[in-house]
Amino acid sequence: MPKLSQTEAEQRVKNLSGWTLYGDEIRKQYTFKDFLAAIAFVDRLAPIAQAADHHPDILINYKRVTLTYSTHSEGGLTVKDFEGAAAADHLV
């Protein structure tokens, strides 16, 4: 899957709520009611990421989960990253 241009990435991130473009990555922090709710979100996301064969970096800080997407094999953002972000948003 080809890497998106900076302009394409900027346009695509505008279609996602709360996601921010950081160089060759997109990132979003979700806040849940407690630690167990945060872990439950990650548990729901894991099989979706596995089925897509595209996995975000996941940082869990108590009730906050930060997801970061980038296609490392392509050296930047691809359509897969934005599909993963949209899938994560549908789980909340």
C-alpha atoms as a PDB file:
ATOM      1  CA  MET A   1       0.000   0.000   0.000  1.00  0.00           C
ATOM      2  CA  PRO A   2       1.591   3.303  -1.052  1.00  0.00           C
ATOM      3  CA  LYS A   3       2.470   6.061   1.391  1.00  0.00           C
ATOM      4  CA  LEU A   4       0.113   9.049   1.265  1.00  0.00           C
ATOM      5  CA  SER A   5       1.414  12.495   0.432  1.00  0.00           C
ATOM      6  CA  GLN A   6       1.395  15.119   3.167  1.00  0.00           C
ATOM      7  CA  THR A   7      -1.552  16.833   1.472  1.00  0.00           C
ATOM      8  CA  GLU A   8      -3.530  13.569   1.292  1.00  0.00           C
ATOM      9  CA  ALA A   9      -2.824  12.849   4.965  1.00  0.00           C
ATOM     10  CA  GLU A  10      -3.898  16.375   5.956  1.00  0.00           C
ATOM     11  CA  GLN A  11      -7.166  15.969   4.063  1.00  0.00           C
ATOM     12  CA  ARG A  12      -7.906  12.522   5.514  1.00  0.00           C
ATOM     13  CA  VAL A  13      -7.234  13.529   9.127  1.00  0.00           C
ATOM     14  CA  LYS A  14      -9.858  16.269   8.769  1.00  0.00           C
ATOM     15  CA  ASN A  15     -12.453  13.500   8.312  1.00  0.00           C
ATOM     16  CA  LEU A  16     -11.578  11.957  11.678  1.00  0.00           C
ATOM     17  CA  SER A  17     -12.808  13.386  14.962  1.00  0.00           C
ATOM     18  CA  GLY A  18     -10.091  14.149  17.494  1.00  0.00           C
ATOM     19  CA  TRP A  19      -7.183  12.664  15.544  1.00  0.00           C
ATOM     20  CA  THR A  20      -4.024  14.735  15.118  1.00  0.00           C
ATOM     21  CA  LEU A  21      -1.364  14.489  12.460  1.00  0.00           C
ATOM     22  CA  TYR A  22       2.189  14.300  13.854  1.00  0.00           C
ATOM     23  CA  GLY A  23       4.637  14.025  10.964  1.00  0.00           C
ATOM     24  CA  ASP A  24       4.189  10.496   9.612  1.00  0.00           C
ATOM     25  CA  GLU A  25       1.724   9.420  12.319  1.00  0.00           C
ATOM     26  CA  ILE A  26      -1.825  10.062  13.424  1.00  0.00           C
ATOM     27  CA  ARG A  27      -2.677   9.997  17.112  1.00  0.00           C
ATOM     28  CA  LYS A  28      -5.699  10.197  19.382  1.00  0.00           C
ATOM     29  CA  GLN A  29      -6.215   9.920  23.124  1.00  0.00           C
ATOM     30  CA  TYR A  30      -9.427   8.376  24.447  1.00  0.00           C
ATOM     31  CA  THR A  31     -10.534   8.819  28.058  1.00  0.00           C
ATOM     32  CA  PHE A  32     -12.723   6.223  29.749  1.00  0.00           C
ATOM     33  CA  LYS A  33     -14.481   6.067  33.111  1.00  0.00           C
ATOM     34  CA  ASP A  34     -11.798   3.851  34.654  1.00  0.00           C
ATOM     35  CA  PHE A  35      -8.933   1.444  33.980  1.00  0.00           C
ATOM     36  CA  LEU A  36     -11.184  -1.535  33.241  1.00  0.00           C
ATOM     37  CA  ALA A  37     -13.119   0.421  30.617  1.00  0.00           C
ATOM     38  CA  ALA A  38      -9.845   1.454  28.978  1.00  0.00           C
ATOM     39  CA  ILE A  39      -8.664  -2.153  28.879  1.00  0.00           C
ATOM     40  CA  ALA A  40     -12.037  -3.296  27.510  1.00  0.00           C
ATOM     41  CA  PHE A  41     -11.650  -0.822  24.627  1.00  0.00           C
ATOM     42  CA  VAL A  42      -8.217  -2.234  23.800  1.00  0.00           C
ATOM     43  CA  ASP A  43      -9.627  -5.764  24.026  1.00  0.00           C
ATOM     44  CA  ARG A  44     -12.319  -4.842  21.469  1.00  0.00           C
ATOM     45  CA  LEU A  45      -9.778  -3.201  19.166  1.00  0.00           C
ATOM     46  CA  ALA A  46      -7.230  -6.040  19.198  1.00  0.00           C
ATOM     47  CA  PRO A  47      -9.148  -8.546  17.022  1.00  0.00           C
ATOM     48  CA  ILE A  48     -10.042  -5.825  14.505  1.00  0.00           C
ATOM     49  CA  ALA A  49      -6.402  -4.796  14.206  1.00  0.00           C
ATOM     50  CA  GLN A  50      -5.325  -8.424  13.925  1.00  0.00           C
ATOM     51  CA  ALA A  51      -7.880  -9.161  11.192  1.00  0.00           C
ATOM     52  CA  ALA A  52      -6.665  -6.110   9.243  1.00  0.00           C
ATOM     53  CA  ASP A  53      -3.032  -7.122   9.861  1.00  0.00           C
ATOM     54  CA  HIS A  54      -2.421  -3.522  10.902  1.00  0.00           C
ATOM     55  CA  HIS A  55      -1.708  -2.710  14.528  1.00  0.00           C
ATOM     56  CA  PRO A  56      -1.561   0.660  16.270  1.00  0.00           C
ATOM     57  CA  ASP A  57       0.922   1.574  18.949  1.00  0.00           C
ATOM     58  CA  ILE A  58      -1.095   1.573  22.169  1.00  0.00           C
ATOM     59  CA  LEU A  59      -0.258   3.516  25.327  1.00  0.00           C
ATOM     60  CA  ILE A  60      -2.437   2.914  28.377  1.00  0.00           C
ATOM     61  CA  ASN A  61      -2.286   5.413  31.249  1.00  0.00           C
ATOM     62  CA  TYR A  62      -4.884   4.412  33.829  1.00  0.00           C
ATOM     63  CA  LYS A  63      -8.149   5.449  32.142  1.00  0.00           C
ATOM     64  CA  ARG A  64      -6.563   7.011  29.046  1.00  0.00           C
ATOM     65  CA  VAL A  65      -5.652   5.093  25.894  1.00  0.00           C
ATOM     66  CA  THR A  66      -3.529   6.747  23.214  1.00  0.00           C
ATOM     67  CA  LEU A  67      -3.478   5.154  19.778  1.00  0.00           C
ATOM     68  CA  THR A  68      -0.839   5.972  17.200  1.00  0.00           C
ATOM     69  CA  TYR A  69      -1.055   4.735  13.636  1.00  0.00           C
ATOM     70  CA  SER A  70       1.667   4.708  11.001  1.00  0.00           C
ATOM     71  CA  THR A  71       2.610   2.136   8.389  1.00  0.00           C
ATOM     72  CA  HIS A  72       6.210   1.442   9.316  1.00  0.00           C
ATOM     73  CA  SER A  73       6.846  -0.743   6.248  1.00  0.00           C
ATOM     74  CA  GLU A  74       5.953   2.225   4.002  1.00  0.00           C
ATOM     75  CA  GLY A  75       7.704   4.847   6.115  1.00  0.00           C
ATOM     76  CA  GLY A  76       4.595   6.877   6.817  1.00  0.00           C
ATOM     77  CA  LEU A  77       0.845   7.059   6.571  1.00  0.00           C
ATOM     78  CA  THR A  78      -1.259   4.894   4.275  1.00  0.00           C
ATOM     79  CA  VAL A  79      -4.976   4.343   3.815  1.00  0.00           C
ATOM     80  CA  LYS A  80      -4.704   1.469   6.328  1.00  0.00           C
ATOM     81  CA  ASP A  81      -3.874   3.937   9.103  1.00  0.00           C
ATOM     82  CA  PHE A  82      -6.991   5.983   8.501  1.00  0.00           C
ATOM     83  CA  GLU A  83      -9.122   2.844   8.235  1.00  0.00           C
ATOM     84  CA  GLY A  84      -7.734   1.669  11.583  1.00  0.00           C
ATOM     85  CA  ALA A  85      -8.447   5.047  13.176  1.00  0.00           C
ATOM     86  CA  ALA A  86     -12.034   5.010  11.910  1.00  0.00           C
ATOM     87  CA  ALA A  87     -12.516   1.460  13.182  1.00  0.00           C
ATOM     88  CA  ALA A  88     -11.231   2.461  16.636  1.00  0.00           C
ATOM     89  CA  ASP A  89     -13.626   5.416  16.747  1.00  0.00           C
ATOM     90  CA  HIS A  90     -16.570   3.108  16.017  1.00  0.00           C
ATOM     91  CA  LEU A  91     -15.767   1.100  19.147  1.00  0.00           C
ATOM     92  CA  VAL A  92     -16.285   3.995  21.549  1.00  0.00           C
END
